[in-house]
Amino acid sequence: MIEIWSEKAEVRFGHVDRSDRLTLWNIFNFFQEVAISHAKALGAGRADLANAGFAWILSRLSVFVRRRPAFGETIELKTWPRGCEKLFALRDYQILDAESNVVVCGRAGWLVLDIEKRRPLRPQPVAEKMPVNNGIDAFPSGPAALGQRENPVKIMERTALYSDIDAFGHTNNARYIQWIQDATDMDILTNASQIRLDINYLSEALPGDTVELWAAPLSGTEQSKDENYPAAPGPAFAYEGRRPLTLSVNPGQIVFRAELYT
């Protein structure tokens, strides 16, 4: 049993912004890929779950970027399961630089979904195939539930199109990060050295669905953070993706909530 999965990668041109450093969106892509690879190696991958009518669905993720790797750097991606917490199967992540310094860390809460009923199941029967890795923590606790913020402002709308949709037929988790990036002032993200992002995925966005992005400013101390994984010191924002109120089905339904500290 491979308790901790590791892969080497290079930060390529398509992974960076105009600061020549790795973007949040591509960090989420890296995390997604290593989690899929490790689950497959543990006998709990996509095909294994699909045979039973189940699927892994990312529900929550917290990421702290201590330093953004630059174009051309070789990085090491690590991931490992951390047991279960209620309906969540927890998984930790790290990105290390060439000197083995941890430059990015994160913890996710994954759900086991009944594909036909589109409902979450208890993850324990699947998670039993995986190591628990007691005491090996990238993050101190599971990602928290994020609350609604007062007086948000509508920033933009996005429609879920071909490039947003993954093999499960809904908007991929990393694409929401791209939407959040596009709803944020370009200079803030370009100049950010440390970044923290917490996101809760609350409902699906299917092909053709329109999602409104709303935002409200946060203070850097508004949400308590562990001292080892703090909120970054710059501008901070809460985001909410909502279905338009003009819809006849699920008007105003929350698709995701996120908090970004730069």
C-alpha atoms as a PDB file:
ATOM      1  CA  MET A   1       0.000   0.000   0.000  1.00  0.00           C
ATOM      2  CA  ILE A   2       1.455   3.365  -1.053  1.00  0.00           C
ATOM      3  CA  GLU A   3       0.702   5.571   1.948  1.00  0.00           C
ATOM      4  CA  ILE A   4       2.034   8.799   0.438  1.00  0.00           C
ATOM      5  CA  TRP A   5       1.899   9.418  -3.317  1.00  0.00           C
ATOM      6  CA  SER A   6       4.612  11.509  -4.951  1.00  0.00           C
ATOM      7  CA  GLU A   7       5.111  12.845  -8.480  1.00  0.00           C
ATOM      8  CA  LYS A   8       7.621  15.251  -9.983  1.00  0.00           C
ATOM      9  CA  ALA A   9       6.472  18.015 -12.338  1.00  0.00           C
ATOM     10  CA  GLU A  10       7.827  21.110 -14.032  1.00  0.00           C
ATOM     11  CA  VAL A  11       6.165  24.515 -13.872  1.00  0.00           C
ATOM     12  CA  ARG A  12       5.525  25.195 -17.548  1.00  0.00           C
ATOM     13  CA  PHE A  13       4.509  28.308 -19.461  1.00  0.00           C
ATOM     14  CA  GLY A  14       0.815  27.423 -19.351  1.00  0.00           C
ATOM     15  CA  HIS A  15       0.951  27.166 -15.549  1.00  0.00           C
ATOM     16  CA  VAL A  16       2.024  30.758 -14.820  1.00  0.00           C
ATOM     17  CA  ASP A  17       0.610  34.279 -14.995  1.00  0.00           C
ATOM     18  CA  ARG A  18       2.453  37.450 -16.050  1.00  0.00           C
ATOM     19  CA  SER A  19       4.506  37.328 -12.838  1.00  0.00           C
ATOM     20  CA  ASP A  20       5.994  34.061 -14.188  1.00  0.00           C
ATOM     21  CA  ARG A  21       4.678  32.208 -11.115  1.00  0.00           C
ATOM     22  CA  LEU A  22       2.271  29.317 -10.634  1.00  0.00           C
ATOM     23  CA  THR A  23      -1.427  30.229 -10.518  1.00  0.00           C
ATOM     24  CA  LEU A  24      -4.055  28.992  -8.053  1.00  0.00           C
ATOM     25  CA  TRP A  25      -6.003  27.385 -10.867  1.00  0.00           C
ATOM     26  CA  ASN A  26      -3.045  25.220 -11.813  1.00  0.00           C
ATOM     27  CA  ILE A  27      -2.372  24.315  -8.183  1.00  0.00           C
ATOM     28  CA  PHE A  28      -5.916  22.910  -8.070  1.00  0.00           C
ATOM     29  CA  ASN A  29      -5.263  21.050 -11.321  1.00  0.00           C
ATOM     30  CA  PHE A  30      -2.078  19.514  -9.881  1.00  0.00           C
ATOM     31  CA  PHE A  31      -3.899  18.480  -6.690  1.00  0.00           C
ATOM     32  CA  GLN A  32      -6.720  16.930  -8.681  1.00  0.00           C
ATOM     33  CA  GLU A  33      -4.384  14.845 -10.837  1.00  0.00           C
ATOM     34  CA  VAL A  34      -2.257  13.440  -7.992  1.00  0.00           C
ATOM     35  CA  ALA A  35      -5.388  12.568  -5.975  1.00  0.00           C
ATOM     36  CA  ILE A  36      -6.779  10.635  -8.953  1.00  0.00           C
ATOM     37  CA  SER A  37      -3.468   8.800  -9.436  1.00  0.00           C
ATOM     38  CA  HIS A  38      -3.174   7.856  -5.762  1.00  0.00           C
ATOM     39  CA  ALA A  39      -6.785   6.684  -5.460  1.00  0.00           C
ATOM     40  CA  LYS A  40      -6.265   4.445  -8.505  1.00  0.00           C
ATOM     41  CA  ALA A  41      -3.105   2.950  -6.975  1.00  0.00           C
ATOM     42  CA  LEU A  42      -5.051   2.216  -3.769  1.00  0.00           C
ATOM     43  CA  GLY A  43      -7.837   0.401  -5.633  1.00  0.00           C
ATOM     44  CA  ALA A  44     -10.319   3.216  -5.049  1.00  0.00           C
ATOM     45  CA  GLY A  45      -9.971   5.103  -8.321  1.00  0.00           C
ATOM     46  CA  ARG A  46     -12.550   6.298 -10.811  1.00  0.00           C
ATOM     47  CA  ALA A  47     -13.023   2.933 -12.488  1.00  0.00           C
ATOM     48  CA  ASP A  48     -13.195   1.059  -9.169  1.00  0.00           C
ATOM     49  CA  LEU A  49     -15.952   3.318  -7.835  1.00  0.00           C
ATOM     50  CA  ALA A  50     -17.794   3.495 -11.163  1.00  0.00           C
ATOM     51  CA  ASN A  51     -18.156  -0.300 -11.150  1.00  0.00           C
ATOM     52  CA  ALA A  52     -20.184   0.095  -7.955  1.00  0.00           C
ATOM     53  CA  GLY A  53     -22.151   3.093  -9.250  1.00  0.00           C
ATOM     54  CA  PHE A  54     -20.173   5.626  -7.208  1.00  0.00           C
ATOM     55  CA  ALA A  55     -17.860   8.573  -7.906  1.00  0.00           C
ATOM     56  CA  TRP A  56     -15.444  10.796  -5.995  1.00  0.00           C
ATOM     57  CA  ILE A  57     -16.660  14.417  -5.838  1.00  0.00           C
ATOM     58  CA  LEU A  58     -14.610  17.237  -4.327  1.00  0.00           C
ATOM     59  CA  SER A  59     -16.689  19.095  -1.746  1.00  0.00           C
ATOM     60  CA  ARG A  60     -14.250  21.362   0.139  1.00  0.00           C
ATOM     61  CA  LEU A  61     -10.624  22.423  -0.203  1.00  0.00           C
ATOM     62  CA  SER A  62      -8.333  24.733   1.741  1.00  0.00           C
ATOM     63  CA  VAL A  63      -4.987  25.752   0.232  1.00  0.00           C
ATOM     64  CA  PHE A  64      -2.177  27.872   1.645  1.00  0.00           C
ATOM     65  CA  VAL A  65       0.527  29.062  -0.753  1.00  0.00           C
ATOM     66  CA  ARG A  66       3.690  30.002   1.146  1.00  0.00           C
ATOM     67  CA  ARG A  67       5.593  30.715  -2.054  1.00  0.00           C
ATOM     68  CA  ARG A  68       4.503  30.541  -5.681  1.00  0.00           C
ATOM     69  CA  PRO A  69       6.896  28.370  -7.711  1.00  0.00           C
ATOM     70  CA  ALA A  70       8.243  30.083 -10.811  1.00  0.00           C
ATOM     71  CA  PHE A  71       8.357  29.074 -14.459  1.00  0.00           C
ATOM     72  CA  GLY A  72      10.927  26.347 -15.041  1.00  0.00           C
ATOM     73  CA  GLU A  73      11.054  25.097 -11.444  1.00  0.00           C
ATOM     74  CA  THR A  74      10.899  21.371 -10.798  1.00  0.00           C
ATOM     75  CA  ILE A  75       8.401  20.635  -8.042  1.00  0.00           C
ATOM     76  CA  GLU A  76       7.346  17.542  -6.138  1.00  0.00           C
ATOM     77  CA  LEU A  77       3.631  16.867  -5.629  1.00  0.00           C
ATOM     78  CA  LYS A  78       2.617  14.811  -2.606  1.00  0.00           C
ATOM     79  CA  THR A  79      -0.778  13.606  -1.393  1.00  0.00           C
ATOM     80  CA  TRP A  80      -2.128  11.186   1.197  1.00  0.00           C
ATOM     81  CA  PRO A  81      -5.492  10.231   2.793  1.00  0.00           C
ATOM     82  CA  ARG A  82      -6.243  11.427   6.341  1.00  0.00           C
ATOM     83  CA  GLY A  83      -9.229   9.287   7.300  1.00  0.00           C
ATOM     84  CA  CYS A  84     -12.859  10.396   7.452  1.00  0.00           C
ATOM     85  CA  GLU A  85     -14.781  13.207   9.117  1.00  0.00           C
ATOM     86  CA  LYS A  86     -18.559  12.675   8.967  1.00  0.00           C
ATOM     87  CA  LEU A  87     -19.395  12.443   5.231  1.00  0.00           C
ATOM     88  CA  PHE A  88     -15.950  13.627   4.135  1.00  0.00           C
ATOM     89  CA  ALA A  89     -12.971  11.524   3.146  1.00  0.00           C
ATOM     90  CA  LEU A  90     -10.037  13.815   3.952  1.00  0.00           C
ATOM     91  CA  ARG A  91      -6.932  14.122   1.774  1.00  0.00           C
ATOM     92  CA  ASP A  92      -3.833  16.259   2.314  1.00  0.00           C
ATOM     93  CA  TYR A  93      -1.556  17.802  -0.306  1.00  0.00           C
ATOM     94  CA  GLN A  94       1.874  19.379  -0.514  1.00  0.00           C
ATOM     95  CA  ILE A  95       4.015  20.948  -3.194  1.00  0.00           C
ATOM     96  CA  LEU A  96       7.752  20.943  -2.453  1.00  0.00           C
ATOM     97  CA  ASP A  97      10.507  22.830  -4.244  1.00  0.00           C
ATOM     98  CA  ALA A  98      13.868  21.426  -5.387  1.00  0.00           C
ATOM     99  CA  GLU A  99      15.297  21.916  -1.848  1.00  0.00           C
ATOM    100  CA  SER A 100      12.356  19.943  -0.349  1.00  0.00           C
ATOM    101  CA  ASN A 101      10.798  23.070   1.171  1.00  0.00           C
ATOM    102  CA  VAL A 102       7.001  22.913   1.409  1.00  0.00           C
ATOM    103  CA  VAL A 103       5.784  25.826  -0.717  1.00  0.00           C
ATOM    104  CA  VAL A 104       2.079  24.878  -0.959  1.00  0.00           C
ATOM    105  CA  CYS A 105      -0.111  22.784   1.334  1.00  0.00           C
ATOM    106  CA  GLY A 106      -3.770  21.890   1.437  1.00  0.00           C
ATOM    107  CA  ARG A 107      -6.517  19.630   2.740  1.00  0.00           C
ATOM    108  CA  ALA A 108      -9.619  18.492   0.863  1.00  0.00           C
ATOM    109  CA  GLY A 109     -12.908  16.946   1.851  1.00  0.00           C
ATOM    110  CA  TRP A 110     -14.106  14.462  -0.791  1.00  0.00           C
ATOM    111  CA  LEU A 111     -17.571  12.895  -0.997  1.00  0.00           C
ATOM    112  CA  VAL A 112     -18.500   9.472  -2.324  1.00  0.00           C
ATOM    113  CA  LEU A 113     -21.480  10.130  -4.593  1.00  0.00           C
ATOM    114  CA  ASP A 114     -24.185   7.704  -5.697  1.00  0.00           C
ATOM    115  CA  ILE A 115     -24.093   8.519  -9.421  1.00  0.00           C
ATOM    116  CA  GLU A 116     -27.702   7.569 -10.163  1.00  0.00           C
ATOM    117  CA  LYS A 117     -29.270   9.302  -7.148  1.00  0.00           C
ATOM    118  CA  ARG A 118     -26.714  12.178  -7.087  1.00  0.00           C
ATOM    119  CA  ARG A 119     -26.539  11.826  -3.320  1.00  0.00           C
ATOM    120  CA  PRO A 120     -23.509  11.480  -1.010  1.00  0.00           C
ATOM    121  CA  LEU A 121     -22.857   8.214   0.816  1.00  0.00           C
ATOM    122  CA  ARG A 122     -20.881   7.364   3.916  1.00  0.00           C
ATOM    123  CA  PRO A 123     -17.255   7.211   2.695  1.00  0.00           C
ATOM    124  CA  GLN A 124     -16.030   4.691   5.281  1.00  0.00           C
ATOM    125  CA  PRO A 125     -16.531   1.526   3.156  1.00  0.00           C
ATOM    126  CA  VAL A 126     -14.367   3.063   0.405  1.00  0.00           C
ATOM    127  CA  ALA A 127     -11.907   4.752   2.765  1.00  0.00           C
ATOM    128  CA  GLU A 128     -11.214   1.424   4.504  1.00  0.00           C
ATOM    129  CA  LYS A 129      -9.019   0.559   1.514  1.00  0.00           C
ATOM    130  CA  MET A 130      -6.822   3.569   2.246  1.00  0.00           C
ATOM    131  CA  PRO A 131      -4.178   4.341   4.883  1.00  0.00           C
ATOM    132  CA  VAL A 132      -5.171   6.847   7.578  1.00  0.00           C
ATOM    133  CA  ASN A 133      -1.687   8.363   7.995  1.00  0.00           C
ATOM    134  CA  ASN A 134      -2.209   9.419  11.595  1.00  0.00           C
ATOM    135  CA  GLY A 135      -0.070  12.377  12.580  1.00  0.00           C
ATOM    136  CA  ILE A 136       1.039  13.256   9.045  1.00  0.00           C
ATOM    137  CA  ASP A 137      -0.747  16.574   8.624  1.00  0.00           C
ATOM    138  CA  ALA A 138      -0.392  19.103   5.853  1.00  0.00           C
ATOM    139  CA  PHE A 139      -3.276  21.025   7.434  1.00  0.00           C
ATOM    140  CA  PRO A 140      -4.421  20.927  11.074  1.00  0.00           C
ATOM    141  CA  SER A 141      -8.101  20.194  10.399  1.00  0.00           C
ATOM    142  CA  GLY A 142     -10.641  19.631   7.684  1.00  0.00           C
ATOM    143  CA  PRO A 143     -11.852  22.565   5.565  1.00  0.00           C
ATOM    144  CA  ALA A 144     -14.585  24.558   7.289  1.00  0.00           C
ATOM    145  CA  ALA A 145     -18.094  25.373   6.118  1.00  0.00           C
ATOM    146  CA  LEU A 146     -18.166  28.958   4.830  1.00  0.00           C
ATOM    147  CA  GLY A 147     -21.044  31.263   5.723  1.00  0.00           C
ATOM    148  CA  GLN A 148     -22.903  33.872   3.681  1.00  0.00           C
ATOM    149  CA  ARG A 149     -21.466  37.388   3.665  1.00  0.00           C
ATOM    150  CA  GLU A 150     -23.405  40.640   3.951  1.00  0.00           C
ATOM    151  CA  ASN A 151     -23.771  43.135   1.110  1.00  0.00           C
ATOM    152  CA  PRO A 152     -21.941  41.302  -1.682  1.00  0.00           C
ATOM    153  CA  VAL A 153     -21.717  42.925  -5.117  1.00  0.00           C
ATOM    154  CA  LYS A 154     -22.342  41.119  -8.374  1.00  0.00           C
ATOM    155  CA  ILE A 155     -19.061  41.032 -10.323  1.00  0.00           C
ATOM    156  CA  MET A 156     -19.786  38.937 -13.405  1.00  0.00           C
ATOM    157  CA  GLU A 157     -21.634  35.970 -14.892  1.00  0.00           C
ATOM    158  CA  ARG A 158     -20.195  32.768 -16.299  1.00  0.00           C
ATOM    159  CA  THR A 159     -21.924  30.126 -18.371  1.00  0.00           C
ATOM    160  CA  ALA A 160     -20.725  26.541 -18.081  1.00  0.00           C
ATOM    161  CA  LEU A 161     -19.468  25.737 -21.583  1.00  0.00           C
ATOM    162  CA  TYR A 162     -17.500  22.917 -23.209  1.00  0.00           C
ATOM    163  CA  SER A 163     -14.126  23.798 -21.648  1.00  0.00           C
ATOM    164  CA  ASP A 164     -15.637  23.898 -18.152  1.00  0.00           C
ATOM    165  CA  ILE A 165     -17.220  20.435 -18.186  1.00  0.00           C
ATOM    166  CA  ASP A 166     -15.363  17.343 -17.017  1.00  0.00           C
ATOM    167  CA  ALA A 167     -15.930  13.604 -17.445  1.00  0.00           C
ATOM    168  CA  PHE A 168     -18.708  13.627 -14.834  1.00  0.00           C
ATOM    169  CA  GLY A 169     -20.737  16.042 -16.981  1.00  0.00           C
ATOM    170  CA  HIS A 170     -20.518  19.028 -14.638  1.00  0.00           C
ATOM    171  CA  THR A 171     -18.225  22.029 -14.146  1.00  0.00           C
ATOM    172  CA  ASN A 172     -14.844  20.833 -12.908  1.00  0.00           C
ATOM    173  CA  ASN A 173     -13.687  21.978  -9.473  1.00  0.00           C
ATOM    174  CA  ALA A 174     -10.616  23.756 -10.852  1.00  0.00           C
ATOM    175  CA  ARG A 175     -12.673  25.798 -13.322  1.00  0.00           C
ATOM    176  CA  TYR A 176     -14.400  27.556 -10.427  1.00  0.00           C
ATOM    177  CA  ILE A 177     -10.957  28.718  -9.320  1.00  0.00           C
ATOM    178  CA  GLN A 178     -10.409  30.143 -12.781  1.00  0.00           C
ATOM    179  CA  TRP A 179     -13.735  31.979 -12.490  1.00  0.00           C
ATOM    180  CA  ILE A 180     -12.685  33.379  -9.096  1.00  0.00           C
ATOM    181  CA  GLN A 181      -9.361  34.500 -10.561  1.00  0.00           C
ATOM    182  CA  ASP A 182     -11.197  36.295 -13.378  1.00  0.00           C
ATOM    183  CA  ALA A 183     -13.477  38.020 -10.838  1.00  0.00           C
ATOM    184  CA  THR A 184     -10.441  39.350  -8.921  1.00  0.00           C
ATOM    185  CA  ASP A 185      -8.376  42.410  -9.781  1.00  0.00           C
ATOM    186  CA  MET A 186      -5.557  41.197 -12.013  1.00  0.00           C
ATOM    187  CA  ASP A 187      -2.872  43.197 -10.207  1.00  0.00           C
ATOM    188  CA  ILE A 188      -3.822  41.725  -6.821  1.00  0.00           C
ATOM    189  CA  LEU A 189      -3.293  38.153  -7.981  1.00  0.00           C
ATOM    190  CA  THR A 190      -0.243  38.967 -10.106  1.00  0.00           C
ATOM    191  CA  ASN A 191       1.535  40.651  -7.184  1.00  0.00           C
ATOM    192  CA  ALA A 192       0.461  38.171  -4.490  1.00  0.00           C
ATOM    193  CA  SER A 193       3.330  36.169  -2.979  1.00  0.00           C
ATOM    194  CA  GLN A 194       1.316  34.270  -0.376  1.00  0.00           C
ATOM    195  CA  ILE A 195      -2.265  33.182  -0.996  1.00  0.00           C
ATOM    196  CA  ARG A 196      -4.885  31.320   1.010  1.00  0.00           C
ATOM    197  CA  LEU A 197      -8.078  30.002  -0.570  1.00  0.00           C
ATOM    198  CA  ASP A 198     -10.917  28.101   1.094  1.00  0.00           C
ATOM    199  CA  ILE A 199     -13.762  26.854  -1.097  1.00  0.00           C
ATOM    200  CA  ASN A 200     -16.973  24.879  -0.562  1.00  0.00           C
ATOM    201  CA  TYR A 201     -18.650  23.274  -3.577  1.00  0.00           C
ATOM    202  CA  LEU A 202     -22.360  23.238  -2.797  1.00  0.00           C
ATOM    203  CA  SER A 203     -24.244  22.304  -5.988  1.00  0.00           C
ATOM    204  CA  GLU A 204     -23.475  21.324  -9.563  1.00  0.00           C
ATOM    205  CA  ALA A 205     -23.217  23.631 -12.552  1.00  0.00           C
ATOM    206  CA  LEU A 206     -24.228  21.636 -15.617  1.00  0.00           C
ATOM    207  CA  PRO A 207     -23.610  22.418 -19.309  1.00  0.00           C
ATOM    208  CA  GLY A 208     -25.327  25.671 -20.238  1.00  0.00           C
ATOM    209  CA  ASP A 209     -25.966  26.752 -16.634  1.00  0.00           C
ATOM    210  CA  THR A 210     -25.343  30.415 -15.822  1.00  0.00           C
ATOM    211  CA  VAL A 211     -23.622  31.233 -12.529  1.00  0.00           C
ATOM    212  CA  GLU A 212     -23.467  34.758 -11.084  1.00  0.00           C
ATOM    213  CA  LEU A 213     -20.301  35.614  -9.150  1.00  0.00           C
ATOM    214  CA  TRP A 214     -20.819  37.885  -6.151  1.00  0.00           C
ATOM    215  CA  ALA A 215     -18.028  39.264  -3.943  1.00  0.00           C
ATOM    216  CA  ALA A 216     -17.546  41.127  -0.664  1.00  0.00           C
ATOM    217  CA  PRO A 217     -14.296  42.459   0.859  1.00  0.00           C
ATOM    218  CA  LEU A 218     -12.851  40.767   3.959  1.00  0.00           C
ATOM    219  CA  SER A 219     -10.334  41.924   6.520  1.00  0.00           C
ATOM    220  CA  GLY A 220      -7.225  39.806   6.891  1.00  0.00           C
ATOM    221  CA  THR A 221      -8.254  38.863  10.446  1.00  0.00           C
ATOM    222  CA  GLU A 222     -11.957  38.313   9.813  1.00  0.00           C
ATOM    223  CA  GLN A 223     -11.702  34.529   9.704  1.00  0.00           C
ATOM    224  CA  SER A 224      -9.515  32.849  12.293  1.00  0.00           C
ATOM    225  CA  LYS A 225      -6.637  30.884  10.745  1.00  0.00           C
ATOM    226  CA  ASP A 226      -4.161  28.536  12.353  1.00  0.00           C
ATOM    227  CA  GLU A 227      -0.892  30.411  12.975  1.00  0.00           C
ATOM    228  CA  ASN A 228       1.011  27.948  10.760  1.00  0.00           C
ATOM    229  CA  TYR A 229      -1.471  28.407   7.902  1.00  0.00           C
ATOM    230  CA  PRO A 230      -2.513  32.059   8.222  1.00  0.00           C
ATOM    231  CA  ALA A 231      -4.572  34.254   6.013  1.00  0.00           C
ATOM    232  CA  ALA A 232      -2.202  36.100   3.709  1.00  0.00           C
ATOM    233  CA  PRO A 233      -1.655  39.804   4.598  1.00  0.00           C
ATOM    234  CA  GLY A 234      -3.041  41.552   1.476  1.00  0.00           C
ATOM    235  CA  PRO A 235      -6.554  42.228   0.127  1.00  0.00           C
ATOM    236  CA  ALA A 236      -9.123  39.532   0.897  1.00  0.00           C
ATOM    237  CA  PHE A 237     -12.544  38.716  -0.562  1.00  0.00           C
ATOM    238  CA  ALA A 238     -15.457  36.359  -0.056  1.00  0.00           C
ATOM    239  CA  TYR A 239     -17.033  34.965  -3.227  1.00  0.00           C
ATOM    240  CA  GLU A 240     -20.333  33.307  -3.884  1.00  0.00           C
ATOM    241  CA  GLY A 241     -21.552  31.628  -7.060  1.00  0.00           C
ATOM    242  CA  ARG A 242     -25.338  31.763  -7.422  1.00  0.00           C
ATOM    243  CA  ARG A 243     -27.946  30.702  -9.911  1.00  0.00           C
ATOM    244  CA  PRO A 244     -29.889  33.720 -11.271  1.00  0.00           C
ATOM    245  CA  LEU A 245     -33.133  34.621  -9.500  1.00  0.00           C
ATOM    246  CA  THR A 246     -34.873  34.638 -12.886  1.00  0.00           C
ATOM    247  CA  LEU A 247     -34.674  30.840 -13.156  1.00  0.00           C
ATOM    248  CA  SER A 248     -37.846  28.806 -12.729  1.00  0.00           C
ATOM    249  CA  VAL A 249     -35.911  25.945 -11.077  1.00  0.00           C
ATOM    250  CA  ASN A 250     -33.650  26.539  -8.044  1.00  0.00           C
ATOM    251  CA  PRO A 251     -33.525  30.352  -8.383  1.00  0.00           C
ATOM    252  CA  GLY A 252     -30.747  31.867  -6.264  1.00  0.00           C
ATOM    253  CA  GLN A 253     -29.289  28.473  -5.355  1.00  0.00           C
ATOM    254  CA  ILE A 254     -25.686  28.669  -4.093  1.00  0.00           C
ATOM    255  CA  VAL A 255     -23.220  26.820  -6.319  1.00  0.00           C
ATOM    256  CA  PHE A 256     -20.059  27.584  -4.314  1.00  0.00           C
ATOM    257  CA  ARG A 257     -18.647  29.790  -1.575  1.00  0.00           C
ATOM    258  CA  ALA A 258     -15.009  30.776  -1.316  1.00  0.00           C
ATOM    259  CA  GLU A 259     -12.690  33.051   0.658  1.00  0.00           C
ATOM    260  CA  LEU A 260      -9.484  34.383  -0.886  1.00  0.00           C
ATOM    261  CA  TYR A 261      -6.672  36.008   1.101  1.00  0.00           C
ATOM    262  CA  THR A 262      -3.725  37.480  -0.842  1.00  0.00           C
END
